[in-house]
Amino acid sequence: MDKSKRVNKFCPVCGSTDIFWASGLPQLWSLWDCRECGYRGAFIIEDGELAKKIREDYLKSIKKNKD
C-alpha cells in the first residue's frame, strides 16, 4: 500500500498511535487496546487532525491532574 494513502489509527481517549488489535479470544477481535492510556473498545479515530486535538487535551488533563 502506498504510504501516502495509508490511514493511521488513533486512540479516541488519548490520541496515541500506540493502539493495536486486542489479542486472545475470538470475541475480542473487534476491540482495540491502547498501550498508553489503557483504552479498550471498538471505536477508533482515523482523522489525524481530530487525534491531534484529542492528544493536546489529554496531555493538558494529565498535567492538570499532576499539579
PDB file of N, CA and C in Angstrom:
ATOM      1  N   MET A   1       0.843  -1.176   0.000  1.00  0.00           N
ATOM      2  CA  MET A   1       0.000   0.000   0.000  1.00  0.00           C
ATOM      3  C   MET A   1       0.889   1.240   0.000  1.00  0.00           C
ATOM      4  N   ASP A   2       0.512   2.226  -0.767  1.00  0.00           N
ATOM      5  CA  ASP A   2       1.230   3.491  -0.833  1.00  0.00           C
ATOM      6  C   ASP A   2       1.160   4.193   0.519  1.00  0.00           C
ATOM      7  N   LYS A   3       2.318   4.608   1.059  1.00  0.00           N
ATOM      8  CA  LYS A   3       2.353   5.227   2.382  1.00  0.00           C
ATOM      9  C   LYS A   3       1.533   6.511   2.441  1.00  0.00           C
ATOM     10  N   SER A   4       1.425   7.243   1.347  1.00  0.00           N
ATOM     11  CA  SER A   4       0.654   8.481   1.360  1.00  0.00           C
ATOM     12  C   SER A   4      -0.847   8.214   1.513  1.00  0.00           C
ATOM     13  N   LYS A   5      -1.293   7.009   1.163  1.00  0.00           N
ATOM     14  CA  LYS A   5      -2.704   6.660   1.275  1.00  0.00           C
ATOM     15  C   LYS A   5      -2.989   5.819   2.514  1.00  0.00           C
ATOM     16  N   ARG A   6      -1.966   5.512   3.282  1.00  0.00           N
ATOM     17  CA  ARG A   6      -2.115   4.701   4.477  1.00  0.00           C
ATOM     18  C   ARG A   6      -2.875   5.489   5.550  1.00  0.00           C
ATOM     19  N   VAL A   7      -3.837   4.856   6.174  1.00  0.00           N
ATOM     20  CA  VAL A   7      -4.640   5.506   7.203  1.00  0.00           C
ATOM     21  C   VAL A   7      -4.084   5.109   8.568  1.00  0.00           C
ATOM     22  N   ASN A   8      -3.738   6.123   9.363  1.00  0.00           N
ATOM     23  CA  ASN A   8      -3.273   5.858  10.717  1.00  0.00           C
ATOM     24  C   ASN A   8      -4.458   5.658  11.631  1.00  0.00           C
ATOM     25  N   LYS A   9      -4.236   4.896  12.672  1.00  0.00           N
ATOM     26  CA  LYS A   9      -5.251   4.653  13.694  1.00  0.00           C
ATOM     27  C   LYS A   9      -4.825   5.391  14.955  1.00  0.00           C
ATOM     28  N   PHE A  10      -5.798   6.022  15.618  1.00  0.00           N
ATOM     29  CA  PHE A  10      -5.524   6.785  16.828  1.00  0.00           C
ATOM     30  C   PHE A  10      -6.497   6.376  17.926  1.00  0.00           C
ATOM     31  N   CYS A  11      -6.033   6.425  19.151  1.00  0.00           N
ATOM     32  CA  CYS A  11      -6.877   6.152  20.305  1.00  0.00           C
ATOM     33  C   CYS A  11      -7.874   7.302  20.476  1.00  0.00           C
ATOM     34  N   PRO A  12      -9.155   7.000  20.689  1.00  0.00           N
ATOM     35  CA  PRO A  12     -10.143   8.066  20.867  1.00  0.00           C
ATOM     36  C   PRO A  12     -10.071   8.743  22.241  1.00  0.00           C
ATOM     37  N   VAL A  13      -9.313   8.193  23.175  1.00  0.00           N
ATOM     38  CA  VAL A  13      -9.191   8.770  24.509  1.00  0.00           C
ATOM     39  C   VAL A  13      -7.977   9.693  24.617  1.00  0.00           C
ATOM     40  N   CYS A  14      -6.818   9.215  24.132  1.00  0.00           N
ATOM     41  CA  CYS A  14      -5.587   9.988  24.312  1.00  0.00           C
ATOM     42  C   CYS A  14      -4.936  10.431  23.004  1.00  0.00           C
ATOM     43  N   GLY A  15      -5.421   9.964  21.866  1.00  0.00           N
ATOM     44  CA  GLY A  15      -4.868  10.363  20.580  1.00  0.00           C
ATOM     45  C   GLY A  15      -3.577   9.657  20.201  1.00  0.00           C
ATOM     46  N   SER A  16      -3.157   8.691  20.975  1.00  0.00           N
ATOM     47  CA  SER A  16      -1.915   7.959  20.717  1.00  0.00           C
ATOM     48  C   SER A  16      -2.042   7.054  19.486  1.00  0.00           C
ATOM     49  N   THR A  17      -0.924   6.820  18.830  1.00  0.00           N
ATOM     50  CA  THR A  17      -0.891   5.850  17.732  1.00  0.00           C
ATOM     51  C   THR A  17      -0.452   4.474  18.240  1.00  0.00           C
ATOM     52  N   ASP A  18      -0.184   4.368  19.533  1.00  0.00           N
ATOM     53  CA  ASP A  18       0.246   3.098  20.125  1.00  0.00           C
ATOM     54  C   ASP A  18      -0.992   2.261  20.470  1.00  0.00           C
ATOM     55  N   ILE A  19      -1.745   1.943  19.424  1.00  0.00           N
ATOM     56  CA  ILE A  19      -3.006   1.224  19.566  1.00  0.00           C
ATOM     57  C   ILE A  19      -2.958  -0.010  18.673  1.00  0.00           C
ATOM     58  N   PHE A  20      -3.535  -1.099  19.151  1.00  0.00           N
ATOM     59  CA  PHE A  20      -3.425  -2.362  18.426  1.00  0.00           C
ATOM     60  C   PHE A  20      -4.666  -3.203  18.672  1.00  0.00           C
ATOM     61  N   TRP A  21      -4.862  -4.192  17.792  1.00  0.00           N
ATOM     62  CA  TRP A  21      -5.980  -5.125  17.953  1.00  0.00           C
ATOM     63  C   TRP A  21      -5.797  -5.883  19.247  1.00  0.00           C
ATOM     64  N   ALA A  22      -6.873  -6.041  20.016  1.00  0.00           N
ATOM     65  CA  ALA A  22      -6.838  -6.861  21.228  1.00  0.00           C
ATOM     66  C   ALA A  22      -6.610  -8.309  20.801  1.00  0.00           C
ATOM     67  N   SER A  23      -5.758  -8.986  21.514  1.00  0.00           N
ATOM     68  CA  SER A  23      -5.479 -10.378  21.171  1.00  0.00           C
ATOM     69  C   SER A  23      -6.165 -11.304  22.162  1.00  0.00           C
ATOM     70  N   GLY A  24      -6.203 -12.534  21.819  1.00  0.00           N
ATOM     71  CA  GLY A  24      -6.804 -13.511  22.720  1.00  0.00           C
ATOM     72  C   GLY A  24      -7.990 -14.200  22.085  1.00  0.00           C
ATOM     73  N   LEU A  25      -9.081 -14.197  22.792  1.00  0.00           N
ATOM     74  CA  LEU A  25     -10.283 -14.895  22.343  1.00  0.00           C
ATOM     75  C   LEU A  25     -10.871 -14.264  21.085  1.00  0.00           C
ATOM     76  N   PRO A  26     -11.510 -15.063  20.245  1.00  0.00           N
ATOM     77  CA  PRO A  26     -12.134 -14.510  19.027  1.00  0.00           C
ATOM     78  C   PRO A  26     -13.144 -13.408  19.310  1.00  0.00           C
ATOM     79  N   GLN A  27     -13.761 -13.409  20.480  1.00  0.00           N
ATOM     80  CA  GLN A  27     -14.725 -12.377  20.822  1.00  0.00           C
ATOM     81  C   GLN A  27     -14.063 -11.000  20.934  1.00  0.00           C
ATOM     82  N   LEU A  28     -12.748 -10.952  21.110  1.00  0.00           N
ATOM     83  CA  LEU A  28     -12.025  -9.694  21.268  1.00  0.00           C
ATOM     84  C   LEU A  28     -11.488  -9.146  19.955  1.00  0.00           C
ATOM     85  N   TRP A  29     -11.689  -9.843  18.850  1.00  0.00           N
ATOM     86  CA  TRP A  29     -11.102  -9.428  17.586  1.00  0.00           C
ATOM     87  C   TRP A  29     -11.601  -8.073  17.111  1.00  0.00           C
ATOM     88  N   SER A  30     -12.743  -7.638  17.559  1.00  0.00           N
ATOM     89  CA  SER A  30     -13.259  -6.344  17.108  1.00  0.00           C
ATOM     90  C   SER A  30     -12.910  -5.222  18.088  1.00  0.00           C
ATOM     91  N   LEU A  31     -12.019  -5.498  19.039  1.00  0.00           N
ATOM     92  CA  LEU A  31     -11.633  -4.497  20.032  1.00  0.00           C
ATOM     93  C   LEU A  31     -10.213  -4.006  19.804  1.00  0.00           C
ATOM     94  N   TRP A  32      -9.995  -2.763  20.159  1.00  0.00           N
ATOM     95  CA  TRP A  32      -8.679  -2.145  20.113  1.00  0.00           C
ATOM     96  C   TRP A  32      -8.189  -1.906  21.536  1.00  0.00           C
ATOM     97  N   ASP A  33      -6.886  -1.983  21.744  1.00  0.00           N
ATOM     98  CA  ASP A  33      -6.253  -1.669  23.022  1.00  0.00           C
ATOM     99  C   ASP A  33      -5.260  -0.549  22.805  1.00  0.00           C
ATOM    100  N   CYS A  34      -5.222   0.403  23.747  1.00  0.00           N
ATOM    101  CA  CYS A  34      -4.223   1.469  23.714  1.00  0.00           C
ATOM    102  C   CYS A  34      -3.200   1.193  24.802  1.00  0.00           C
ATOM    103  N   ARG A  35      -1.949   1.132  24.420  1.00  0.00           N
ATOM    104  CA  ARG A  35      -0.886   0.863  25.390  1.00  0.00           C
ATOM    105  C   ARG A  35      -0.596   2.074  26.272  1.00  0.00           C
ATOM    106  N   GLU A  36      -0.998   3.236  25.842  1.00  0.00           N
ATOM    107  CA  GLU A  36      -0.680   4.436  26.617  1.00  0.00           C
ATOM    108  C   GLU A  36      -1.692   4.718  27.720  1.00  0.00           C
ATOM    109  N   CYS A  37      -2.981   4.708  27.395  1.00  0.00           N
ATOM    110  CA  CYS A  37      -3.979   5.100  28.398  1.00  0.00           C
ATOM    111  C   CYS A  37      -4.835   3.935  28.887  1.00  0.00           C
ATOM    112  N   GLY A  38      -4.713   2.771  28.243  1.00  0.00           N
ATOM    113  CA  GLY A  38      -5.479   1.613  28.677  1.00  0.00           C
ATOM    114  C   GLY A  38      -6.856   1.484  28.047  1.00  0.00           C
ATOM    115  N   TYR A  39      -7.184   2.359  27.098  1.00  0.00           N
ATOM    116  CA  TYR A  39      -8.482   2.273  26.413  1.00  0.00           C
ATOM    117  C   TYR A  39      -8.646   0.905  25.772  1.00  0.00           C
ATOM    118  N   ARG A  40      -9.856   0.356  25.877  1.00  0.00           N
ATOM    119  CA  ARG A  40     -10.212  -0.863  25.153  1.00  0.00           C
ATOM    120  C   ARG A  40     -11.623  -0.679  24.637  1.00  0.00           C
ATOM    121  N   GLY A  41     -11.768  -0.752  23.324  1.00  0.00           N
ATOM    122  CA  GLY A  41     -13.082  -0.594  22.729  1.00  0.00           C
ATOM    123  C   GLY A  41     -13.056  -0.780  21.229  1.00  0.00           C
ATOM    124  N   ALA A  42     -14.217  -0.730  20.637  1.00  0.00           N
ATOM    125  CA  ALA A  42     -14.347  -0.938  19.193  1.00  0.00           C
ATOM    126  C   ALA A  42     -14.162   0.351  18.394  1.00  0.00           C
ATOM    127  N   PHE A  43     -14.374   1.489  19.041  1.00  0.00           N
ATOM    128  CA  PHE A  43     -14.294   2.785  18.364  1.00  0.00           C
ATOM    129  C   PHE A  43     -12.841   3.204  18.196  1.00  0.00           C
ATOM    130  N   ILE A  44     -12.491   3.720  17.016  1.00  0.00           N
ATOM    131  CA  ILE A  44     -11.124   4.146  16.717  1.00  0.00           C
ATOM    132  C   ILE A  44     -11.183   5.428  15.881  1.00  0.00           C
ATOM    133  N   ILE A  45     -10.174   6.271  15.994  1.00  0.00           N
ATOM    134  CA  ILE A  45     -10.099   7.522  15.243  1.00  0.00           C
ATOM    135  C   ILE A  45      -9.135   7.344  14.071  1.00  0.00           C
ATOM    136  N   GLU A  46      -9.521   7.817  12.900  1.00  0.00           N
ATOM    137  CA  GLU A  46      -8.646   7.780  11.730  1.00  0.00           C
ATOM    138  C   GLU A  46      -8.353   9.179  11.197  1.00  0.00           C
ATOM    139  N   ASP A  47      -8.928  10.189  11.808  1.00  0.00           N
ATOM    140  CA  ASP A  47      -8.732  11.583  11.410  1.00  0.00           C
ATOM    141  C   ASP A  47      -7.563  12.160  12.215  1.00  0.00           C
ATOM    142  N   GLY A  48      -6.462  12.438  11.547  1.00  0.00           N
ATOM    143  CA  GLY A  48      -5.266  12.939  12.210  1.00  0.00           C
ATOM    144  C   GLY A  48      -5.453  14.276  12.895  1.00  0.00           C
ATOM    145  N   GLU A  49      -6.248  15.160  12.319  1.00  0.00           N
ATOM    146  CA  GLU A  49      -6.484  16.472  12.933  1.00  0.00           C
ATOM    147  C   GLU A  49      -7.286  16.325  14.230  1.00  0.00           C
ATOM    148  N   LEU A  50      -8.295  15.482  14.208  1.00  0.00           N
ATOM    149  CA  LEU A  50      -9.081  15.229  15.410  1.00  0.00           C
ATOM    150  C   LEU A  50      -8.204  14.579  16.482  1.00  0.00           C
ATOM    151  N   ALA A  51      -7.390  13.622  16.081  1.00  0.00           N
ATOM    152  CA  ALA A  51      -6.497  12.944  17.022  1.00  0.00           C
ATOM    153  C   ALA A  51      -5.514  13.925  17.656  1.00  0.00           C
ATOM    154  N   LYS A  52      -5.046  14.889  16.877  1.00  0.00           N
ATOM    155  CA  LYS A  52      -4.121  15.898  17.400  1.00  0.00           C
ATOM    156  C   LYS A  52      -4.790  16.710  18.504  1.00  0.00           C
ATOM    157  N   LYS A  53      -6.041  17.109  18.307  1.00  0.00           N
ATOM    158  CA  LYS A  53      -6.785  17.869  19.310  1.00  0.00           C
ATOM    159  C   LYS A  53      -7.034  17.017  20.559  1.00  0.00           C
ATOM    160  N   ILE A  54      -7.418  15.772  20.356  1.00  0.00           N
ATOM    161  CA  ILE A  54      -7.631  14.856  21.479  1.00  0.00           C
ATOM    162  C   ILE A  54      -6.338  14.704  22.275  1.00  0.00           C
ATOM    163  N   ARG A  55      -5.228  14.573  21.571  1.00  0.00           N
ATOM    164  CA  ARG A  55      -3.922  14.404  22.219  1.00  0.00           C
ATOM    165  C   ARG A  55      -3.572  15.629  23.068  1.00  0.00           C
ATOM    166  N   GLU A  56      -3.775  16.813  22.518  1.00  0.00           N
ATOM    167  CA  GLU A  56      -3.484  18.044  23.253  1.00  0.00           C
ATOM    168  C   GLU A  56      -4.324  18.122  24.528  1.00  0.00           C
ATOM    169  N   ASP A  57      -5.608  17.847  24.408  1.00  0.00           N
ATOM    170  CA  ASP A  57      -6.499  17.887  25.569  1.00  0.00           C
ATOM    171  C   ASP A  57      -6.108  16.836  26.610  1.00  0.00           C
ATOM    172  N   TYR A  58      -5.742  15.656  26.149  1.00  0.00           N
ATOM    173  CA  TYR A  58      -5.345  14.569  27.054  1.00  0.00           C
ATOM    174  C   TYR A  58      -4.085  14.951  27.832  1.00  0.00           C
ATOM    175  N   LEU A  59      -3.090  15.484  27.133  1.00  0.00           N
ATOM    176  CA  LEU A  59      -1.846  15.867  27.802  1.00  0.00           C
ATOM    177  C   LEU A  59      -2.080  17.011  28.792  1.00  0.00           C
ATOM    178  N   LYS A  60      -2.963  17.955  28.456  1.00  0.00           N
ATOM    179  CA  LYS A  60      -3.312  19.034  29.388  1.00  0.00           C
ATOM    180  C   LYS A  60      -3.969  18.478  30.640  1.00  0.00           C
ATOM    181  N   SER A  61      -4.857  17.509  30.472  1.00  0.00           N
ATOM    182  CA  SER A  61      -5.561  16.936  31.628  1.00  0.00           C
ATOM    183  C   SER A  61      -4.600  16.166  32.537  1.00  0.00           C
ATOM    184  N   ILE A  62      -3.627  15.500  31.950  1.00  0.00           N
ATOM    185  CA  ILE A  62      -2.625  14.786  32.751  1.00  0.00           C
ATOM    186  C   ILE A  62      -1.803  15.791  33.555  1.00  0.00           C
ATOM    187  N   LYS A  63      -1.380  16.861  32.895  1.00  0.00           N
ATOM    188  CA  LYS A  63      -0.582  17.879  33.578  1.00  0.00           C
ATOM    189  C   LYS A  63      -1.395  18.527  34.711  1.00  0.00           C
ATOM    190  N   LYS A  64      -2.667  18.800  34.444  1.00  0.00           N
ATOM    191  CA  LYS A  64      -3.543  19.425  35.432  1.00  0.00           C
ATOM    192  C   LYS A  64      -3.715  18.502  36.647  1.00  0.00           C
ATOM    193  N   ASN A  65      -3.853  17.203  36.412  1.00  0.00           N
ATOM    194  CA  ASN A  65      -4.032  16.236  37.497  1.00  0.00           C
ATOM    195  C   ASN A  65      -2.768  16.077  38.347  1.00  0.00           C
ATOM    196  N   LYS A  66      -1.601  16.317  37.752  1.00  0.00           N
ATOM    197  CA  LYS A  66      -0.340  16.211  38.490  1.00  0.00           C
ATOM    198  C   LYS A  66      -0.127  17.405  39.399  1.00  0.00           C
ATOM    199  N   ASP A  67      -0.676  18.565  39.013  1.00  0.00           N
ATOM    200  CA  ASP A  67      -0.472  19.791  39.802  1.00  0.00           C
ATOM    201  C   ASP A  67      -1.316  19.820  41.041  1.00  0.00           C
TER     202      ASP A  67
END
